Amino acid sequence: MFAIDHLHYFKLSGGTRGDLEITDAMHKINEIARKYQVAVFLVAHYVKESSTAKGVPHVNDFAGGAAIKQVANYVIQLLRDDDITEFFFTKGR
């Protein structure tokens, strides 16, 4: 099992577009996970407010991270408000 935080720091292709860098990294991480049959927990941070009513997290809320919703098998999003943390399972396959 592996945990990765701050995916945007992975510069794999040397490009200037962050969204493409994230897409490349997601695909490479997915290949490694399948090859070695390991679980990968990736921590991604929001850059914008939730796009849904009442601020409920949605898988589209990852700014510049379309690959996260496309490549990830599961997405668990957290909503923190003062003393309460809520978990939302926004994708599962």
PDB file of N, CA and C in Angstrom:
ATOM      1  N   MET A   1       0.848  -1.159   0.000  1.00  0.00           N
ATOM      2  CA  MET A   1       0.000   0.000   0.000  1.00  0.00           C
ATOM      3  C   MET A   1       0.905   1.237   0.000  1.00  0.00           C
ATOM      4  N   PHE A   2       0.507   2.246  -0.774  1.00  0.00           N
ATOM      5  CA  PHE A   2       1.249   3.493  -0.865  1.00  0.00           C
ATOM      6  C   PHE A   2       0.301   4.658  -0.651  1.00  0.00           C
ATOM      7  N   ALA A   3       0.826   5.742  -0.109  1.00  0.00           N
ATOM      8  CA  ALA A   3       0.060   6.987   0.029  1.00  0.00           C
ATOM      9  C   ALA A   3       0.848   8.102  -0.646  1.00  0.00           C
ATOM     10  N   ILE A   4       0.148   8.894  -1.431  1.00  0.00           N
ATOM     11  CA  ILE A   4       0.777  10.000  -2.148  1.00  0.00           C
ATOM     12  C   ILE A   4       0.013  11.274  -1.811  1.00  0.00           C
ATOM     13  N   ASP A   5       0.744  12.285  -1.404  1.00  0.00           N
ATOM     14  CA  ASP A   5       0.143  13.580  -1.108  1.00  0.00           C
ATOM     15  C   ASP A   5       0.748  14.608  -2.062  1.00  0.00           C
ATOM     16  N   HIS A   6       0.001  15.612  -2.389  1.00  0.00           N
ATOM     17  CA  HIS A   6       0.450  16.704  -3.256  1.00  0.00           C
ATOM     18  C   HIS A   6       0.886  16.205  -4.632  1.00  0.00           C
ATOM     19  N   LEU A   7      -0.042  15.604  -5.340  1.00  0.00           N
ATOM     20  CA  LEU A   7       0.241  15.065  -6.673  1.00  0.00           C
ATOM     21  C   LEU A   7       0.768  16.139  -7.621  1.00  0.00           C
ATOM     22  N   HIS A   8       0.365  17.378  -7.418  1.00  0.00           N
ATOM     23  CA  HIS A   8       0.782  18.445  -8.329  1.00  0.00           C
ATOM     24  C   HIS A   8       2.292  18.709  -8.287  1.00  0.00           C
ATOM     25  N   TYR A   9       3.010  18.145  -7.313  1.00  0.00           N
ATOM     26  CA  TYR A   9       4.462  18.299  -7.269  1.00  0.00           C
ATOM     27  C   TYR A   9       5.187  17.292  -8.165  1.00  0.00           C
ATOM     28  N   PHE A  10       4.478  16.271  -8.653  1.00  0.00           N
ATOM     29  CA  PHE A  10       5.094  15.272  -9.522  1.00  0.00           C
ATOM     30  C   PHE A  10       5.219  15.863 -10.924  1.00  0.00           C
ATOM     31  N   LYS A  11       6.416  16.129 -11.354  1.00  0.00           N
ATOM     32  CA  LYS A  11       6.656  16.661 -12.695  1.00  0.00           C
ATOM     33  C   LYS A  11       7.230  15.536 -13.541  1.00  0.00           C
ATOM     34  N   LEU A  12       6.373  14.876 -14.309  1.00  0.00           N
ATOM     35  CA  LEU A  12       6.804  13.704 -15.058  1.00  0.00           C
ATOM     36  C   LEU A  12       7.200  14.026 -16.493  1.00  0.00           C
ATOM     37  N   SER A  13       6.541  15.003 -17.093  1.00  0.00           N
ATOM     38  CA  SER A  13       6.830  15.279 -18.501  1.00  0.00           C
ATOM     39  C   SER A  13       7.488  16.630 -18.727  1.00  0.00           C
ATOM     40  N   GLY A  14       7.634  17.424 -17.684  1.00  0.00           N
ATOM     41  CA  GLY A  14       8.284  18.714 -17.825  1.00  0.00           C
ATOM     42  C   GLY A  14       7.410  19.774 -18.470  1.00  0.00           C
ATOM     43  N   GLY A  15       6.129  19.487 -18.646  1.00  0.00           N
ATOM     44  CA  GLY A  15       5.221  20.439 -19.275  1.00  0.00           C
ATOM     45  C   GLY A  15       4.824  21.560 -18.336  1.00  0.00           C
ATOM     46  N   THR A  16       4.138  22.529 -18.897  1.00  0.00           N
ATOM     47  CA  THR A  16       3.714  23.678 -18.111  1.00  0.00           C
ATOM     48  C   THR A  16       2.240  23.621 -17.719  1.00  0.00           C
ATOM     49  N   ARG A  17       1.475  22.713 -18.305  1.00  0.00           N
ATOM     50  CA  ARG A  17       0.054  22.603 -17.976  1.00  0.00           C
ATOM     51  C   ARG A  17      -0.138  21.625 -16.826  1.00  0.00           C
ATOM     52  N   GLY A  18      -0.584  22.152 -15.694  1.00  0.00           N
ATOM     53  CA  GLY A  18      -0.770  21.332 -14.507  1.00  0.00           C
ATOM     54  C   GLY A  18      -1.777  20.216 -14.682  1.00  0.00           C
ATOM     55  N   ASP A  19      -2.865  20.477 -15.424  1.00  0.00           N
ATOM     56  CA  ASP A  19      -3.873  19.445 -15.615  1.00  0.00           C
ATOM     57  C   ASP A  19      -3.329  18.259 -16.395  1.00  0.00           C
ATOM     58  N   LEU A  20      -2.467  18.515 -17.379  1.00  0.00           N
ATOM     59  CA  LEU A  20      -1.862  17.410 -18.136  1.00  0.00           C
ATOM     60  C   LEU A  20      -0.848  16.653 -17.303  1.00  0.00           C
ATOM     61  N   GLU A  21      -0.126  17.368 -16.450  1.00  0.00           N
ATOM     62  CA  GLU A  21       0.822  16.717 -15.544  1.00  0.00           C
ATOM     63  C   GLU A  21       0.080  15.765 -14.605  1.00  0.00           C
ATOM     64  N   ILE A  22      -1.049  16.222 -14.063  1.00  0.00           N
ATOM     65  CA  ILE A  22      -1.837  15.384 -13.163  1.00  0.00           C
ATOM     66  C   ILE A  22      -2.368  14.162 -13.913  1.00  0.00           C
ATOM     67  N   THR A  23      -2.828  14.367 -15.146  1.00  0.00           N
ATOM     68  CA  THR A  23      -3.328  13.251 -15.952  1.00  0.00           C
ATOM     69  C   THR A  23      -2.225  12.229 -16.187  1.00  0.00           C
ATOM     70  N   ASP A  24      -1.034  12.686 -16.589  1.00  0.00           N
ATOM     71  CA  ASP A  24       0.100  11.775 -16.805  1.00  0.00           C
ATOM     72  C   ASP A  24       0.435  11.014 -15.524  1.00  0.00           C
ATOM     73  N   ALA A  25       0.500  11.736 -14.415  1.00  0.00           N
ATOM     74  CA  ALA A  25       0.833  11.101 -13.140  1.00  0.00           C
ATOM     75  C   ALA A  25      -0.218  10.070 -12.749  1.00  0.00           C
ATOM     76  N   MET A  26      -1.480  10.404 -12.920  1.00  0.00           N
ATOM     77  CA  MET A  26      -2.558   9.459 -12.567  1.00  0.00           C
ATOM     78  C   MET A  26      -2.444   8.164 -13.372  1.00  0.00           C
ATOM     79  N   HIS A  27      -2.189   8.285 -14.666  1.00  0.00           N
ATOM     80  CA  HIS A  27      -2.073   7.089 -15.506  1.00  0.00           C
ATOM     81  C   HIS A  27      -0.852   6.254 -15.121  1.00  0.00           C
ATOM     82  N   LYS A  28       0.256   6.900 -14.831  1.00  0.00           N
ATOM     83  CA  LYS A  28       1.464   6.162 -14.441  1.00  0.00           C
ATOM     84  C   LYS A  28       1.288   5.479 -13.077  1.00  0.00           C
ATOM     85  N   ILE A  29       0.665   6.185 -12.147  1.00  0.00           N
ATOM     86  CA  ILE A  29       0.394   5.589 -10.833  1.00  0.00           C
ATOM     87  C   ILE A  29      -0.545   4.398 -10.978  1.00  0.00           C
ATOM     88  N   ASN A  30      -1.542   4.511 -11.826  1.00  0.00           N
ATOM     89  CA  ASN A  30      -2.481   3.413 -12.066  1.00  0.00           C
ATOM     90  C   ASN A  30      -1.762   2.197 -12.663  1.00  0.00           C
ATOM     91  N   GLU A  31      -0.851   2.431 -13.593  1.00  0.00           N
ATOM     92  CA  GLU A  31      -0.066   1.336 -14.182  1.00  0.00           C
ATOM     93  C   GLU A  31       0.759   0.618 -13.117  1.00  0.00           C
ATOM     94  N   ILE A  32       1.418   1.385 -12.263  1.00  0.00           N
ATOM     95  CA  ILE A  32       2.241   0.805 -11.198  1.00  0.00           C
ATOM     96  C   ILE A  32       1.380  -0.003 -10.234  1.00  0.00           C
ATOM     97  N   ALA A  33       0.237   0.546  -9.848  1.00  0.00           N
ATOM     98  CA  ALA A  33      -0.660  -0.146  -8.910  1.00  0.00           C
ATOM     99  C   ALA A  33      -1.129  -1.475  -9.486  1.00  0.00           C
ATOM    100  N   ARG A  34      -1.468  -1.478 -10.768  1.00  0.00           N
ATOM    101  CA  ARG A  34      -1.915  -2.738 -11.406  1.00  0.00           C
ATOM    102  C   ARG A  34      -0.767  -3.730 -11.543  1.00  0.00           C
ATOM    103  N   LYS A  35       0.397  -3.242 -11.957  1.00  0.00           N
ATOM    104  CA  LYS A  35       1.550  -4.126 -12.171  1.00  0.00           C
ATOM    105  C   LYS A  35       1.962  -4.830 -10.880  1.00  0.00           C
ATOM    106  N   TYR A  36       2.001  -4.074  -9.782  1.00  0.00           N
ATOM    107  CA  TYR A  36       2.467  -4.639  -8.520  1.00  0.00           C
ATOM    108  C   TYR A  36       1.329  -5.031  -7.579  1.00  0.00           C
ATOM    109  N   GLN A  37       0.105  -4.876  -8.049  1.00  0.00           N
ATOM    110  CA  GLN A  37      -1.091  -5.240  -7.289  1.00  0.00           C
ATOM    111  C   GLN A  37      -1.073  -4.638  -5.882  1.00  0.00           C
ATOM    112  N   VAL A  38      -0.920  -3.323  -5.847  1.00  0.00           N
ATOM    113  CA  VAL A  38      -0.900  -2.594  -4.584  1.00  0.00           C
ATOM    114  C   VAL A  38      -2.001  -1.536  -4.591  1.00  0.00           C
ATOM    115  N   ALA A  39      -2.419  -1.164  -3.411  1.00  0.00           N
ATOM    116  CA  ALA A  39      -3.384  -0.078  -3.275  1.00  0.00           C
ATOM    117  C   ALA A  39      -2.634   1.243  -3.169  1.00  0.00           C
ATOM    118  N   VAL A  40      -3.157   2.264  -3.802  1.00  0.00           N
ATOM    119  CA  VAL A  40      -2.561   3.591  -3.746  1.00  0.00           C
ATOM    120  C   VAL A  40      -3.614   4.558  -3.222  1.00  0.00           C
ATOM    121  N   PHE A  41      -3.274   5.255  -2.161  1.00  0.00           N
ATOM    122  CA  PHE A  41      -4.143   6.288  -1.610  1.00  0.00           C
ATOM    123  C   PHE A  41      -3.554   7.625  -2.008  1.00  0.00           C
ATOM    124  N   LEU A  42      -4.291   8.362  -2.771  1.00  0.00           N
ATOM    125  CA  LEU A  42      -3.826   9.646  -3.279  1.00  0.00           C
ATOM    126  C   LEU A  42      -4.609  10.752  -2.595  1.00  0.00           C
ATOM    127  N   VAL A  43      -3.904  11.694  -2.011  1.00  0.00           N
ATOM    128  CA  VAL A  43      -4.544  12.832  -1.356  1.00  0.00           C
ATOM    129  C   VAL A  43      -4.479  14.010  -2.318  1.00  0.00           C
ATOM    130  N   ALA A  44      -5.632  14.524  -2.685  1.00  0.00           N
ATOM    131  CA  ALA A  44      -5.709  15.694  -3.569  1.00  0.00           C
ATOM    132  C   ALA A  44      -6.448  16.792  -2.830  1.00  0.00           C
ATOM    133  N   HIS A  45      -6.027  17.996  -3.056  1.00  0.00           N
ATOM    134  CA  HIS A  45      -6.617  19.126  -2.357  1.00  0.00           C
ATOM    135  C   HIS A  45      -7.478  19.942  -3.310  1.00  0.00           C
ATOM    136  N   TYR A  46      -8.566  20.453  -2.777  1.00  0.00           N
ATOM    137  CA  TYR A  46      -9.445  21.303  -3.573  1.00  0.00           C
ATOM    138  C   TYR A  46      -8.801  22.654  -3.802  1.00  0.00           C
ATOM    139  N   VAL A  47      -9.129  23.225  -4.934  1.00  0.00           N
ATOM    140  CA  VAL A  47      -8.675  24.572  -5.228  1.00  0.00           C
ATOM    141  C   VAL A  47      -9.865  25.525  -5.282  1.00  0.00           C
ATOM    142  N   LYS A  48     -11.061  24.979  -5.368  1.00  0.00           N
ATOM    143  CA  LYS A  48     -12.236  25.824  -5.476  1.00  0.00           C
ATOM    144  C   LYS A  48     -13.344  25.309  -4.571  1.00  0.00           C
ATOM    145  N   GLU A  49     -14.361  26.125  -4.438  1.00  0.00           N
ATOM    146  CA  GLU A  49     -15.530  25.744  -3.644  1.00  0.00           C
ATOM    147  C   GLU A  49     -16.307  24.660  -4.371  1.00  0.00           C
ATOM    148  N   SER A  50     -17.119  23.930  -3.636  1.00  0.00           N
ATOM    149  CA  SER A  50     -17.940  22.890  -4.231  1.00  0.00           C
ATOM    150  C   SER A  50     -18.909  23.491  -5.232  1.00  0.00           C
ATOM    151  N   SER A  51     -19.105  22.794  -6.334  1.00  0.00           N
ATOM    152  CA  SER A  51     -19.987  23.276  -7.390  1.00  0.00           C
ATOM    153  C   SER A  51     -21.442  22.883  -7.157  1.00  0.00           C
ATOM    154  N   THR A  52     -21.707  22.122  -6.112  1.00  0.00           N
ATOM    155  CA  THR A  52     -23.065  21.647  -5.875  1.00  0.00           C
ATOM    156  C   THR A  52     -23.757  22.472  -4.798  1.00  0.00           C
ATOM    157  N   ALA A  53     -25.050  22.318  -4.750  1.00  0.00           N
ATOM    158  CA  ALA A  53     -25.844  23.022  -3.747  1.00  0.00           C
ATOM    159  C   ALA A  53     -25.443  22.575  -2.348  1.00  0.00           C
ATOM    160  N   LYS A  54     -25.529  23.462  -1.405  1.00  0.00           N
ATOM    161  CA  LYS A  54     -25.239  23.191   0.003  1.00  0.00           C
ATOM    162  C   LYS A  54     -23.782  22.815   0.255  1.00  0.00           C
ATOM    163  N   GLY A  55     -22.904  22.992  -0.738  1.00  0.00           N
ATOM    164  CA  GLY A  55     -21.491  22.723  -0.531  1.00  0.00           C
ATOM    165  C   GLY A  55     -21.127  21.262  -0.391  1.00  0.00           C
ATOM    166  N   VAL A  56     -22.027  20.353  -0.767  1.00  0.00           N
ATOM    167  CA  VAL A  56     -21.726  18.921  -0.689  1.00  0.00           C
ATOM    168  C   VAL A  56     -20.675  18.594  -1.750  1.00  0.00           C
ATOM    169  N   PRO A  57     -19.582  17.937  -1.371  1.00  0.00           N
ATOM    170  CA  PRO A  57     -18.520  17.639  -2.343  1.00  0.00           C
ATOM    171  C   PRO A  57     -19.015  16.784  -3.508  1.00  0.00           C
ATOM    172  N   HIS A  58     -18.430  17.044  -4.650  1.00  0.00           N
ATOM    173  CA  HIS A  58     -18.726  16.290  -5.868  1.00  0.00           C
ATOM    174  C   HIS A  58     -17.411  15.989  -6.557  1.00  0.00           C
ATOM    175  N   VAL A  59     -17.359  14.906  -7.289  1.00  0.00           N
ATOM    176  CA  VAL A  59     -16.122  14.484  -7.944  1.00  0.00           C
ATOM    177  C   VAL A  59     -15.637  15.523  -8.961  1.00  0.00           C
ATOM    178  N   ASN A  60     -16.489  16.424  -9.420  1.00  0.00           N
ATOM    179  CA  ASN A  60     -16.080  17.475 -10.356  1.00  0.00           C
ATOM    180  C   ASN A  60     -15.381  18.646  -9.669  1.00  0.00           C
ATOM    181  N   ASP A  61     -15.281  18.625  -8.355  1.00  0.00           N
ATOM    182  CA  ASP A  61     -14.716  19.749  -7.613  1.00  0.00           C
ATOM    183  C   ASP A  61     -13.194  19.828  -7.649  1.00  0.00           C
ATOM    184  N   PHE A  62     -12.517  18.840  -8.173  1.00  0.00           N
ATOM    185  CA  PHE A  62     -11.060  18.885  -8.245  1.00  0.00           C
ATOM    186  C   PHE A  62     -10.647  19.792  -9.388  1.00  0.00           C
ATOM    187  N   ALA A  63     -10.199  20.985  -9.079  1.00  0.00           N
ATOM    188  CA  ALA A  63      -9.808  21.942 -10.111  1.00  0.00           C
ATOM    189  C   ALA A  63      -8.589  21.426 -10.865  1.00  0.00           C
ATOM    190  N   GLY A  64      -8.702  21.323 -12.181  1.00  0.00           N
ATOM    191  CA  GLY A  64      -7.592  20.866 -13.008  1.00  0.00           C
ATOM    192  C   GLY A  64      -7.300  19.385 -12.885  1.00  0.00           C
ATOM    193  N   GLY A  65      -8.160  18.652 -12.206  1.00  0.00           N
ATOM    194  CA  GLY A  65      -7.893  17.236 -11.974  1.00  0.00           C
ATOM    195  C   GLY A  65      -8.936  16.316 -12.559  1.00  0.00           C
ATOM    196  N   ALA A  66      -9.293  16.517 -13.825  1.00  0.00           N
ATOM    197  CA  ALA A  66     -10.295  15.668 -14.464  1.00  0.00           C
ATOM    198  C   ALA A  66      -9.872  14.201 -14.452  1.00  0.00           C
ATOM    199  N   ALA A  67      -8.560  13.950 -14.498  1.00  0.00           N
ATOM    200  CA  ALA A  67      -8.069  12.573 -14.494  1.00  0.00           C
ATOM    201  C   ALA A  67      -8.377  11.875 -13.184  1.00  0.00           C
ATOM    202  N   ILE A  68      -8.495  12.631 -12.111  1.00  0.00           N
ATOM    203  CA  ILE A  68      -8.808  12.011 -10.822  1.00  0.00           C
ATOM    204  C   ILE A  68     -10.143  11.297 -10.908  1.00  0.00           C
ATOM    205  N   LYS A  69     -11.145  11.960 -11.468  1.00  0.00           N
ATOM    206  CA  LYS A  69     -12.459  11.322 -11.567  1.00  0.00           C
ATOM    207  C   LYS A  69     -12.492  10.265 -12.661  1.00  0.00           C
ATOM    208  N   GLN A  70     -11.636  10.360 -13.668  1.00  0.00           N
ATOM    209  CA  GLN A  70     -11.636   9.390 -14.755  1.00  0.00           C
ATOM    210  C   GLN A  70     -10.852   8.129 -14.424  1.00  0.00           C
ATOM    211  N   VAL A  71      -9.713   8.267 -13.768  1.00  0.00           N
ATOM    212  CA  VAL A  71      -8.801   7.140 -13.564  1.00  0.00           C
ATOM    213  C   VAL A  71      -9.013   6.448 -12.221  1.00  0.00           C
ATOM    214  N   ALA A  72      -9.363   7.201 -11.202  1.00  0.00           N
ATOM    215  CA  ALA A  72      -9.491   6.628  -9.852  1.00  0.00           C
ATOM    216  C   ALA A  72     -10.616   5.593  -9.799  1.00  0.00           C
ATOM    217  N   ASN A  73     -10.386   4.539  -9.049  1.00  0.00           N
ATOM    218  CA  ASN A  73     -11.429   3.547  -8.835  1.00  0.00           C
ATOM    219  C   ASN A  73     -12.426   4.017  -7.784  1.00  0.00           C
ATOM    220  N   TYR A  74     -11.933   4.695  -6.773  1.00  0.00           N
ATOM    221  CA  TYR A  74     -12.779   5.201  -5.694  1.00  0.00           C
ATOM    222  C   TYR A  74     -12.364   6.626  -5.374  1.00  0.00           C
ATOM    223  N   VAL A  75     -13.343   7.443  -5.050  1.00  0.00           N
ATOM    224  CA  VAL A  75     -13.061   8.804  -4.602  1.00  0.00           C
ATOM    225  C   VAL A  75     -13.823   9.023  -3.304  1.00  0.00           C
ATOM    226  N   ILE A  76     -13.081   9.372  -2.274  1.00  0.00           N
ATOM    227  CA  ILE A  76     -13.672   9.710  -0.977  1.00  0.00           C
ATOM    228  C   ILE A  76     -13.312  11.168  -0.720  1.00  0.00           C
ATOM    229  N   GLN A  77     -14.334  11.985  -0.522  1.00  0.00           N
ATOM    230  CA  GLN A  77     -14.089  13.400  -0.298  1.00  0.00           C
ATOM    231  C   GLN A  77     -14.517  13.783   1.110  1.00  0.00           C
ATOM    232  N   LEU A  78     -13.765  14.702   1.687  1.00  0.00           N
ATOM    233  CA  LEU A  78     -14.029  15.154   3.050  1.00  0.00           C
ATOM    234  C   LEU A  78     -14.567  16.573   3.033  1.00  0.00           C
ATOM    235  N   LEU A  79     -15.475  16.825   3.945  1.00  0.00           N
ATOM    236  CA  LEU A  79     -15.986  18.173   4.162  1.00  0.00           C
ATOM    237  C   LEU A  79     -15.796  18.474   5.631  1.00  0.00           C
ATOM    238  N   ARG A  80     -14.952  19.458   5.913  1.00  0.00           N
ATOM    239  CA  ARG A  80     -14.680  19.828   7.303  1.00  0.00           C
ATOM    240  C   ARG A  80     -15.346  21.152   7.625  1.00  0.00           C
ATOM    241  N   ASP A  81     -16.049  21.163   8.749  1.00  0.00           N
ATOM    242  CA  ASP A  81     -16.705  22.372   9.218  1.00  0.00           C
ATOM    243  C   ASP A  81     -16.530  22.439  10.728  1.00  0.00           C
ATOM    244  N   ASP A  82     -15.622  23.271  11.173  1.00  0.00           N
ATOM    245  CA  ASP A  82     -15.302  23.401  12.596  1.00  0.00           C
ATOM    246  C   ASP A  82     -14.934  22.051  13.197  1.00  0.00           C
ATOM    247  N   ASP A  83     -15.785  21.493  14.040  1.00  0.00           N
ATOM    248  CA  ASP A  83     -15.472  20.246  14.746  1.00  0.00           C
ATOM    249  C   ASP A  83     -15.961  18.991  14.028  1.00  0.00           C
ATOM    250  N   ILE A  84     -16.634  19.137  12.900  1.00  0.00           N
ATOM    251  CA  ILE A  84     -17.261  17.993  12.226  1.00  0.00           C
ATOM    252  C   ILE A  84     -16.571  17.734  10.887  1.00  0.00           C
ATOM    253  N   THR A  85     -16.228  16.480  10.654  1.00  0.00           N
ATOM    254  CA  THR A  85     -15.704  16.049   9.363  1.00  0.00           C
ATOM    255  C   THR A  85     -16.650  15.015   8.793  1.00  0.00           C
ATOM    256  N   GLU A  86     -17.134  15.270   7.572  1.00  0.00           N
ATOM    257  CA  GLU A  86     -18.038  14.334   6.903  1.00  0.00           C
ATOM    258  C   GLU A  86     -17.299  13.679   5.749  1.00  0.00           C
ATOM    259  N   PHE A  87     -17.569  12.390   5.533  1.00  0.00           N
ATOM    260  CA  PHE A  87     -16.973  11.624   4.445  1.00  0.00           C
ATOM    261  C   PHE A  87     -18.038  11.391   3.372  1.00  0.00           C
ATOM    262  N   PHE A  88     -17.681  11.643   2.118  1.00  0.00           N
ATOM    263  CA  PHE A  88     -18.590  11.416   0.991  1.00  0.00           C
ATOM    264  C   PHE A  88     -17.901  10.477   0.003  1.00  0.00           C
ATOM    265  N   PHE A  89     -18.524   9.367  -0.310  1.00  0.00           N
ATOM    266  CA  PHE A  89     -18.018   8.452  -1.321  1.00  0.00           C
ATOM    267  C   PHE A  89     -18.630   8.888  -2.644  1.00  0.00           C
ATOM    268  N   THR A  90     -17.848   9.631  -3.441  1.00  0.00           N
ATOM    269  CA  THR A  90     -18.399  10.237  -4.646  1.00  0.00           C
ATOM    270  C   THR A  90     -18.116   9.446  -5.919  1.00  0.00           C
ATOM    271  N   LYS A  91     -17.306   8.397  -5.812  1.00  0.00           N
ATOM    272  CA  LYS A  91     -17.105   7.510  -6.958  1.00  0.00           C
ATOM    273  C   LYS A  91     -16.669   6.155  -6.433  1.00  0.00           C
ATOM    274  N   GLY A  92     -17.197   5.125  -7.047  1.00  0.00           N
ATOM    275  CA  GLY A  92     -16.788   3.761  -6.731  1.00  0.00           C
ATOM    276  C   GLY A  92     -17.064   2.860  -7.893  1.00  0.00           C
ATOM    277  N   ARG A  93     -16.082   2.011  -8.226  1.00  0.00           N
ATOM    278  CA  ARG A  93     -16.316   1.049  -9.299  1.00  0.00           C
ATOM    279  C   ARG A  93     -15.755  -0.279  -8.926  1.00  0.00           C
TER     280      ARG A  93
END
